[in-house]
Amino acid sequence: MKHAVAFLVLAGAAHAQEVDTVSYWSDVRPLLMAHCAGCHQPAKPSGEYVMTGFDRLAKGGESEEPAIVAGKPDESYLIQQITPDGGEAAMPQGKEPLSEANRELIAQWIAQGAEDDTPESALPRYDMDHPPVYKLAPVISALDFS
């Protein structure tokens, strides 16, 4: 029984370490998708700011201020925009401010260096400069002509 208790204590300590490190992919990205991506996406880049991918998230928008300054949440424009002043935050616009816990999570991620831990499997495989290469002709399942 002593071994089981020791194992649980050690497992709890290991879990506590994992929780201290904030993940962009697992923790921050879901928050941004739920609260920000509706207005800050490639099809509708409000403020010329796109938050659907890490590279554009870090870049910033029309303010030309860095949205994320790794290791420095106080200098990150994103934190300024989501922090309420007088009960209202600039972002998300027209909605309730993010909860204090969510703001602290984002600030903690930035303070930890704002690492991009997006898995390789989630990265785009093709773009305009790197189109797919077909070994066989692609299947055309429908054709419309006049």
Protein backbone atom coordinates (compact mmCIF):
# COMPACT_ATOMS: atom_id res chain seq x y z
CA MET A 1 0.00 0.00 0.00
CA LYS A 2 2.89 2.37 0.75
CA HIS A 3 4.13 1.91 -2.82
CA ALA A 4 0.73 2.84 -4.26
CA VAL A 5 0.60 6.03 -2.17
CA ALA A 6 4.15 6.93 -3.20
CA PHE A 7 3.25 6.32 -6.83
CA LEU A 8 0.19 8.59 -6.58
CA VAL A 9 2.22 11.32 -4.92
CA LEU A 10 4.90 11.10 -7.62
CA ALA A 11 2.29 10.97 -10.38
CA GLY A 12 0.62 14.06 -8.88
CA ALA A 13 3.94 15.90 -8.81
CA ALA A 14 4.59 15.02 -12.44
CA HIS A 15 1.12 16.22 -13.38
CA ALA A 16 1.66 19.49 -11.49
CA GLN A 17 4.80 20.15 -13.57
CA GLU A 18 2.88 19.56 -16.78
CA VAL A 19 0.17 22.03 -15.79
CA ASP A 20 2.74 24.79 -15.12
CA THR A 21 3.86 24.82 -18.76
CA VAL A 22 1.25 26.48 -20.94
CA SER A 23 0.84 25.00 -24.42
CA TYR A 24 -0.08 27.15 -27.40
CA TRP A 25 -1.77 24.24 -29.17
CA SER A 26 -3.63 22.74 -26.21
CA ASP A 27 -4.32 25.76 -24.00
CA VAL A 28 -4.05 29.10 -25.81
CA ARG A 29 -5.21 28.23 -29.33
CA PRO A 30 -8.61 26.85 -28.21
CA LEU A 31 -9.27 30.10 -26.29
CA LEU A 32 -8.39 32.20 -29.31
CA MET A 33 -10.51 30.06 -31.61
CA ALA A 34 -13.50 30.37 -29.29
CA HIS A 35 -13.26 34.10 -28.58
CA CYS A 36 -11.22 35.76 -31.34
CA ALA A 37 -11.08 33.81 -34.60
CA GLY A 38 -14.62 34.75 -35.62
CA CYS A 39 -13.43 38.28 -36.42
CA HIS A 40 -9.69 37.67 -36.89
CA GLN A 41 -9.52 35.04 -39.63
CA PRO A 42 -8.16 35.13 -43.19
CA ALA A 43 -11.62 35.67 -44.72
CA LYS A 44 -12.43 38.49 -42.27
CA PRO A 45 -9.20 39.97 -40.85
CA SER A 46 -10.56 42.71 -38.58
CA GLY A 47 -7.77 45.18 -37.91
CA GLU A 48 -5.72 43.28 -40.50
CA TYR A 49 -5.02 40.76 -37.74
CA VAL A 50 -5.36 37.01 -38.27
CA MET A 51 -5.32 34.75 -35.23
CA THR A 52 -5.94 31.34 -36.79
CA GLY A 53 -2.28 30.37 -37.11
CA PHE A 54 0.73 30.99 -34.91
CA ASP A 55 2.79 32.85 -37.53
CA ARG A 56 0.07 35.45 -38.20
CA LEU A 57 -0.88 35.62 -34.52
CA ALA A 58 2.62 36.68 -33.52
CA LYS A 59 2.94 39.12 -36.42
CA GLY A 60 0.19 41.52 -35.35
CA GLY A 61 -2.12 43.71 -37.39
CA GLU A 62 -2.72 47.26 -38.53
CA SER A 63 -1.48 48.79 -35.25
CA GLU A 64 2.01 47.67 -36.34
CA GLU A 65 2.76 46.88 -32.69
CA PRO A 66 4.03 43.38 -31.96
CA ALA A 67 1.03 41.36 -30.79
CA ILE A 68 3.29 38.99 -28.87
CA VAL A 69 6.68 39.82 -27.40
CA ALA A 70 8.03 36.47 -26.21
CA GLY A 71 8.85 36.57 -22.52
CA LYS A 72 7.26 40.01 -22.07
CA PRO A 73 3.47 39.94 -21.65
CA ASP A 74 3.42 43.60 -20.52
CA GLU A 75 4.89 44.66 -23.87
CA SER A 76 2.55 42.42 -25.90
CA TYR A 77 -0.24 44.34 -27.65
CA LEU A 78 -2.50 41.28 -27.43
CA ILE A 79 -2.45 41.48 -23.62
CA GLN A 80 -3.23 45.21 -23.74
CA GLN A 81 -6.22 44.55 -25.98
CA ILE A 82 -7.76 41.77 -23.85
CA THR A 83 -7.15 43.43 -20.45
CA PRO A 84 -10.21 45.30 -19.18
CA ASP A 85 -9.94 48.96 -18.24
CA GLY A 86 -12.94 50.18 -16.27
CA GLY A 87 -14.70 46.85 -16.71
CA GLU A 88 -14.45 46.78 -20.53
CA ALA A 89 -11.72 45.40 -22.75
CA ALA A 90 -10.99 46.50 -26.31
CA MET A 91 -11.20 42.87 -27.39
CA PRO A 92 -13.25 40.85 -27.96
CA GLN A 93 -15.14 43.82 -29.31
CA GLY A 94 -18.77 44.08 -28.23
CA LYS A 95 -18.52 41.00 -26.00
CA GLU A 96 -17.72 40.18 -22.41
CA PRO A 97 -13.99 40.40 -21.63
CA LEU A 98 -12.10 37.13 -21.31
CA SER A 99 -12.12 35.75 -17.80
CA GLU A 100 -9.21 36.61 -15.56
CA ALA A 101 -8.09 32.97 -15.64
CA ASN A 102 -8.02 32.98 -19.45
CA ARG A 103 -6.11 36.27 -19.57
CA GLU A 104 -3.61 34.95 -17.03
CA LEU A 105 -3.17 31.75 -19.06
CA ILE A 106 -2.35 33.74 -22.22
CA ALA A 107 -0.01 36.04 -20.27
CA GLN A 108 1.71 33.04 -18.69
CA TRP A 109 2.23 31.46 -22.13
CA ILE A 110 3.80 34.69 -23.40
CA ALA A 111 5.95 34.99 -20.24
CA GLN A 112 7.18 31.42 -20.82
CA GLY A 113 8.44 32.42 -24.27
CA ALA A 114 5.31 32.05 -26.43
CA GLU A 115 6.48 28.75 -27.89
CA ASP A 116 4.69 27.35 -30.94
CA ASP A 117 4.06 23.69 -30.14
CA THR A 118 1.75 23.07 -33.11
CA PRO A 119 2.13 19.40 -34.07
CA GLU A 120 3.62 18.64 -37.48
CA SER A 121 0.42 16.83 -38.45
CA ALA A 122 -1.56 20.08 -38.05
CA LEU A 123 0.70 22.22 -40.24
CA PRO A 124 -0.42 22.93 -43.80
CA ARG A 125 1.18 20.55 -46.24
CA TYR A 126 0.51 22.57 -49.38
CA ASP A 127 0.48 26.23 -50.34
CA MET A 128 0.72 28.30 -53.52
CA ASP A 129 4.49 27.83 -53.68
CA HIS A 130 4.34 24.10 -52.82
CA PRO A 131 1.36 22.52 -54.60
CA PRO A 132 0.71 18.79 -54.32
CA VAL A 133 2.53 16.51 -56.75
CA TYR A 134 0.29 13.82 -58.20
CA LYS A 135 1.60 10.39 -59.19
CA LEU A 136 -1.62 9.75 -61.11
CA ALA A 137 -4.13 12.14 -62.57
CA PRO A 138 -6.55 13.38 -59.88
CA VAL A 139 -10.00 11.83 -59.87
CA ILE A 140 -12.70 14.15 -61.23
CA SER A 141 -16.03 13.05 -59.84
CA ALA A 142 -18.17 15.71 -61.52
CA LEU A 143 -17.94 17.95 -64.54
CA ASP A 144 -19.95 21.03 -65.39
CA PHE A 145 -19.77 22.67 -68.79
CA SER A 146 -21.95 24.63 -71.19
